[in-house]
C-alpha cells in the first residue's frame, strides 16, 4: 500500500485528480442531490401525518 505522500506524487505524475462531492443523507438513505432527499423525506413525513389523521376518524 502506498503512503498518502506517495499517492499524491503518483496522482501528479499520472494526472489523476479527485473531487469532493456532497452527499445528502436522510435517515439511513444517501442521495446525490438535494431534491431527491427532499422528495423522499417529504413523502415519508406527509404519509405519516395522513396515517395519524386517518386514525382519528
Protein backbone atom coordinates (compact mmCIF):
# COMPACT_ATOMS: atom_id res chain seq x y z
CA UNK A 1 0.00 0.00 0.00
CA UNK A 2 1.27 3.49 -0.79
CA UNK A 3 1.58 6.28 1.76
CA UNK A 4 -0.52 9.40 1.37
CA UNK A 5 2.52 11.33 0.15
CA UNK A 6 3.36 8.60 -2.40
CA UNK A 7 -0.24 8.68 -3.54
CA UNK A 8 -0.05 12.44 -4.14
CA UNK A 9 3.16 12.03 -6.14
CA UNK A 10 1.62 9.28 -8.29
CA UNK A 11 -1.55 11.32 -8.80
CA UNK A 12 0.51 14.26 -10.03
CA UNK A 13 2.66 12.02 -12.25
CA UNK A 14 -0.33 10.40 -13.97
CA UNK A 15 -2.68 13.39 -13.96
CA UNK A 16 -5.14 11.79 -11.56
CA UNK A 17 -7.30 14.13 -9.53
CA UNK A 18 -10.13 13.86 -7.07
CA UNK A 19 -13.25 15.90 -6.48
CA UNK A 20 -15.30 16.17 -3.35
CA UNK A 21 -18.99 15.53 -3.71
CA UNK A 22 -21.85 16.46 -1.40
CA UNK A 23 -23.96 13.53 -0.24
CA UNK A 24 -27.36 14.28 1.27
CA UNK A 25 -28.50 11.87 3.99
CA UNK A 26 -31.98 11.23 5.31
CA UNK A 27 -32.20 8.55 7.94
CA UNK A 28 -30.00 5.75 6.57
CA UNK A 29 -30.54 6.72 2.92
CA UNK A 30 -27.95 8.58 0.85
CA UNK A 31 -28.69 10.82 -2.13
CA UNK A 32 -26.51 12.53 -4.71
CA UNK A 33 -28.81 15.52 -4.99
CA UNK A 34 -30.89 17.55 -2.58
CA UNK A 35 -34.18 17.31 -4.46
CA UNK A 36 -34.24 13.51 -4.24
CA UNK A 37 -33.57 13.63 -0.48
CA UNK A 38 -36.27 16.25 -0.01
CA UNK A 39 -38.82 14.31 -2.05
CA UNK A 40 -38.30 11.11 -0.05
CA UNK A 41 -38.36 12.92 3.31
CA UNK A 42 -41.48 14.89 2.40
CA UNK A 43 -43.30 11.82 1.11
CA UNK A 44 -42.47 9.86 4.23
CA UNK A 45 -43.37 12.64 6.65
CA UNK A 46 -46.54 13.65 4.79
CA UNK A 47 -47.55 9.99 4.64
CA UNK A 48 -47.02 9.62 8.38
CA UNK A 49 -49.24 12.64 9.06
CA UNK A 50 -52.01 11.21 6.86
CA UNK A 51 -51.88 7.88 8.70
CA UNK A 52 -52.05 9.72 12.03
CA UNK A 53 -55.07 11.78 10.95
CA UNK A 54 -56.81 8.73 9.48
CA UNK A 55 -56.66 7.03 12.87
CA UNK A 56 -58.52 9.98 14.42
CA UNK A 57 -61.63 9.24 12.33
